[in-house]
Amino acid sequence: MDIETIRRIMLARHLFELGNTALRSSNDLYLFAAVNLLQDAVEAFLIAVADHVGAKIDHRTEFDKYFVFMALRVVEWVEVDVFKGLATCRSVS
C-alpha cells in the first residue's frame, strides 16, 4: 500500500472521529456538522480504496458510482486470478 493511500485512510479516520465527537452534542449545529463530517469520511475512505484497487475515479464522479468502478476493478482481479489458477491446474495435470 502506498503512502498516499495510507494518508487518505488516516484522513478518513480523523474525519470519522470528528463526526463521532460532534454526534455526542445536543446542539443542532453540531449534529449538522457531524453528518457532513461522516459523509466526508466515507468519501475519503472510498477514494483510498479506489486508488488502492486502481479504479478510475475523478472529481466529477458521482458518489454512488464509486462502488461501480471499484467493483469492476475487483472483478478484473478475480478474473485474472481464476484464469491463472486454471492455467496452473492445466500445467500441473
Protein backbone atom coordinates (compact mmCIF):
# COMPACT_ATOMS: atom_id res chain seq x y z
CA MET A 1 0.00 0.00 0.00
CA ASP A 2 1.47 3.35 -0.96
CA ILE A 3 1.82 6.35 1.35
CA GLU A 4 -0.93 8.38 -0.34
CA THR A 5 -3.47 5.61 0.25
CA ILE A 6 -2.41 5.41 3.89
CA ARG A 7 -2.76 9.19 4.26
CA ARG A 8 -6.26 9.07 2.78
CA ILE A 9 -7.24 6.33 5.19
CA MET A 10 -5.83 8.39 8.07
CA LEU A 11 -7.83 11.40 6.85
CA ALA A 12 -10.97 9.26 6.69
CA ARG A 13 -10.39 8.06 10.25
CA HIS A 14 -9.77 11.60 11.50
CA LEU A 15 -12.96 12.89 9.85
CA PHE A 16 -14.86 9.94 11.30
CA GLU A 17 -13.60 10.71 14.81
CA LEU A 18 -14.53 14.38 14.44
CA GLY A 19 -18.00 13.42 13.24
CA ASN A 20 -18.41 10.90 16.02
CA THR A 21 -17.47 13.54 18.59
CA ALA A 22 -19.94 16.01 17.08
CA LEU A 23 -22.71 13.40 17.31
CA ARG A 24 -22.49 13.49 21.10
CA SER A 25 -23.66 17.11 21.17
CA SER A 26 -27.23 18.18 21.76
CA ASN A 27 -26.66 21.29 19.63
CA ASP A 28 -28.34 21.01 16.22
CA LEU A 29 -25.46 22.83 14.55
CA TYR A 30 -23.00 20.18 15.76
CA LEU A 31 -25.31 17.43 14.53
CA PHE A 32 -25.44 19.02 11.08
CA ALA A 33 -21.65 19.22 11.07
CA ALA A 34 -21.46 15.57 12.18
CA VAL A 35 -23.44 14.43 9.16
CA ASN A 36 -21.15 16.36 6.82
CA LEU A 37 -18.00 15.05 8.53
CA LEU A 38 -19.21 11.45 8.41
CA GLN A 39 -20.08 11.75 4.73
CA ASP A 40 -16.64 13.21 4.04
CA ALA A 41 -15.06 10.35 6.00
CA VAL A 42 -16.87 7.76 3.90
CA GLU A 43 -15.92 9.53 0.69
CA ALA A 44 -12.25 9.81 1.71
CA PHE A 45 -12.20 6.11 2.58
CA LEU A 46 -13.82 5.12 -0.72
CA ILE A 47 -11.34 7.24 -2.67
CA ALA A 48 -8.50 5.50 -0.82
CA VAL A 49 -9.96 2.10 -1.70
CA ALA A 50 -10.47 3.16 -5.32
CA ASP A 51 -6.86 4.31 -5.54
CA HIS A 52 -5.68 1.06 -4.00
CA VAL A 53 -7.58 -1.12 -6.49
CA GLY A 54 -6.80 1.19 -9.41
CA ALA A 55 -10.36 2.32 -10.13
CA LYS A 56 -10.66 5.40 -12.31
CA ILE A 57 -12.46 7.96 -10.15
CA ASP A 58 -12.11 11.66 -10.87
CA HIS A 59 -13.50 14.77 -9.18
CA ARG A 60 -16.70 14.65 -11.29
CA THR A 61 -17.58 11.05 -10.43
CA GLU A 62 -20.88 10.81 -8.57
CA PHE A 63 -20.72 9.24 -5.13
CA ASP A 64 -22.84 6.20 -5.99
CA LYS A 65 -20.62 5.39 -8.99
CA TYR A 66 -17.58 4.81 -6.74
CA PHE A 67 -18.86 1.32 -5.96
CA VAL A 68 -19.41 0.51 -9.62
CA PHE A 69 -15.89 1.50 -10.66
CA MET A 70 -14.32 -0.33 -7.71
CA ALA A 71 -16.38 -3.46 -8.34
CA LEU A 72 -15.30 -3.50 -11.98
CA ARG A 73 -11.65 -3.42 -10.92
CA VAL A 74 -12.14 -6.16 -8.33
CA VAL A 75 -13.94 -8.34 -10.90
CA GLU A 76 -10.98 -7.85 -13.25
CA TRP A 77 -8.64 -9.03 -10.48
CA VAL A 78 -10.79 -12.07 -9.75
CA GLU A 79 -10.99 -13.00 -13.44
CA VAL A 80 -7.21 -12.78 -13.77
CA ASP A 81 -6.73 -14.91 -10.62
CA VAL A 82 -9.22 -17.51 -11.87
CA PHE A 83 -7.51 -17.75 -15.25
CA LYS A 84 -4.09 -18.00 -13.59
CA GLY A 85 -5.46 -20.75 -11.36
CA LEU A 86 -6.87 -22.63 -14.35
CA ALA A 87 -3.59 -22.30 -16.22
CA THR A 88 -1.70 -23.61 -13.19
CA CYS A 89 -4.09 -26.57 -12.83
CA ARG A 90 -3.72 -27.42 -16.51
CA SER A 91 0.07 -27.23 -16.41
CA VAL A 92 0.25 -29.42 -13.30
CA SER A 93 -2.09 -32.10 -14.64
